[in-house]
């Protein structure tokens, strides 16, 4: 592998990690089914075997003030953040 090839691979990886939702949408545009998941214990292998691309829902690190009327404030910030992203329609593209 040449340095140019490795630089291209690194740039591709960087573009995917900087905007994972856009990458997931591009997979969906190519006909793949996408399923969102929260827990690390989800068996991704089974989803892949079923022809589904698993998309991990991660924290966006924004204020969760919108979720206070839906969830008690003692729930963890990750739970609030995931609820916020759902309420803000950040993952509406998931199948």
Protein backbone atom coordinates (compact mmCIF):
# COMPACT_ATOMS: atom_id res chain seq x y z
CA UNK A 1 0.00 0.00 0.00
CA UNK A 2 1.37 3.38 -0.94
CA UNK A 3 1.28 6.49 1.21
CA UNK A 4 -1.29 7.99 -1.17
CA UNK A 5 -3.56 4.96 -0.70
CA UNK A 6 -3.27 5.12 3.08
CA UNK A 7 -3.95 8.88 3.04
CA UNK A 8 -7.09 8.26 0.97
CA UNK A 9 -8.28 5.59 3.39
CA UNK A 10 -7.63 7.85 6.38
CA UNK A 11 -9.51 10.74 4.76
CA UNK A 12 -12.45 8.44 4.00
CA UNK A 13 -12.47 7.20 7.58
CA UNK A 14 -12.30 10.78 8.86
CA UNK A 15 -15.26 11.85 6.71
CA UNK A 16 -17.35 8.93 8.03
CA UNK A 17 -16.48 9.54 11.69
CA UNK A 18 -17.08 13.29 11.44
CA UNK A 19 -20.59 12.81 10.03
CA UNK A 20 -21.81 9.26 10.74
CA UNK A 21 -25.46 10.13 10.06
CA UNK A 22 -24.64 11.29 6.54
CA UNK A 23 -22.70 8.07 5.95
CA UNK A 24 -25.65 6.02 7.22
CA UNK A 25 -27.99 7.92 4.91
CA UNK A 26 -25.70 7.13 1.97
CA UNK A 27 -25.89 3.42 2.83
CA UNK A 28 -29.66 3.69 2.97
CA UNK A 29 -29.71 5.39 -0.43
CA UNK A 30 -27.91 2.29 -1.76
CA UNK A 31 -30.78 0.09 -0.57
CA UNK A 32 -29.59 -0.98 2.88
CA UNK A 33 -31.99 -1.15 5.83
CA UNK A 34 -30.84 0.76 8.92
CA UNK A 35 -31.76 0.02 12.53
CA UNK A 36 -30.78 2.27 15.41
CA UNK A 37 -29.66 0.86 18.74
CA UNK A 38 -28.60 2.27 22.09
CA UNK A 39 -27.10 -0.54 24.13
CA UNK A 40 -23.67 -2.05 23.58
CA UNK A 41 -25.17 -5.49 24.18
CA UNK A 42 -27.13 -5.48 20.90
CA UNK A 43 -25.88 -8.42 18.79
CA UNK A 44 -24.78 -6.47 15.70
CA UNK A 45 -23.82 -9.73 13.97
CA UNK A 46 -27.44 -10.84 13.92
CA UNK A 47 -28.54 -7.55 12.40
CA UNK A 48 -25.84 -7.82 9.73
CA UNK A 49 -26.87 -11.42 9.04
CA UNK A 50 -30.45 -10.21 8.53
CA UNK A 51 -29.27 -7.63 6.00
CA UNK A 52 -29.68 -4.69 8.38
CA UNK A 53 -26.97 -2.12 9.06
CA UNK A 54 -26.84 -1.29 12.81
CA UNK A 55 -26.50 2.42 13.58
CA UNK A 56 -25.36 3.26 17.09
CA UNK A 57 -27.19 6.22 18.59
CA UNK A 58 -24.58 8.25 20.42
CA UNK A 59 -24.70 11.31 22.61
CA UNK A 60 -24.72 14.63 20.80
CA UNK A 61 -23.62 16.53 23.92
CA UNK A 62 -26.33 19.18 23.72
CA UNK A 63 -28.71 20.51 26.35
CA UNK A 64 -31.53 18.09 27.17
CA UNK A 65 -33.92 20.76 28.50
CA UNK A 66 -36.50 19.61 25.93
CA UNK A 67 -36.71 16.16 27.55
CA UNK A 68 -37.43 17.26 31.11
CA UNK A 69 -41.20 17.10 30.50
CA UNK A 70 -40.89 13.53 29.16
CA UNK A 71 -38.37 11.96 31.55
CA UNK A 72 -37.53 12.47 35.20
CA UNK A 73 -34.40 14.53 35.69
CA UNK A 74 -32.67 11.76 37.65
CA UNK A 75 -32.29 9.63 34.51
CA UNK A 76 -28.77 9.69 33.14
CA UNK A 77 -27.69 12.37 30.70
CA UNK A 78 -27.21 9.75 27.96
CA UNK A 79 -30.88 8.75 28.25
CA UNK A 80 -31.95 12.38 28.09
CA UNK A 81 -29.69 13.04 25.13
CA UNK A 82 -31.02 10.06 23.17
CA UNK A 83 -34.58 11.15 23.90
CA UNK A 84 -33.69 14.67 22.77
CA UNK A 85 -32.30 13.37 19.48
CA UNK A 86 -35.51 11.43 18.90
CA UNK A 87 -37.66 14.46 19.69
CA UNK A 88 -35.47 16.61 17.43
CA UNK A 89 -35.88 14.07 14.58
CA UNK A 90 -32.13 13.47 14.23
CA UNK A 91 -32.68 9.78 13.48
CA UNK A 92 -35.88 9.92 11.45
CA UNK A 93 -34.07 8.30 8.54
CA UNK A 94 -33.77 4.95 10.37
CA UNK A 95 -35.94 2.10 9.12
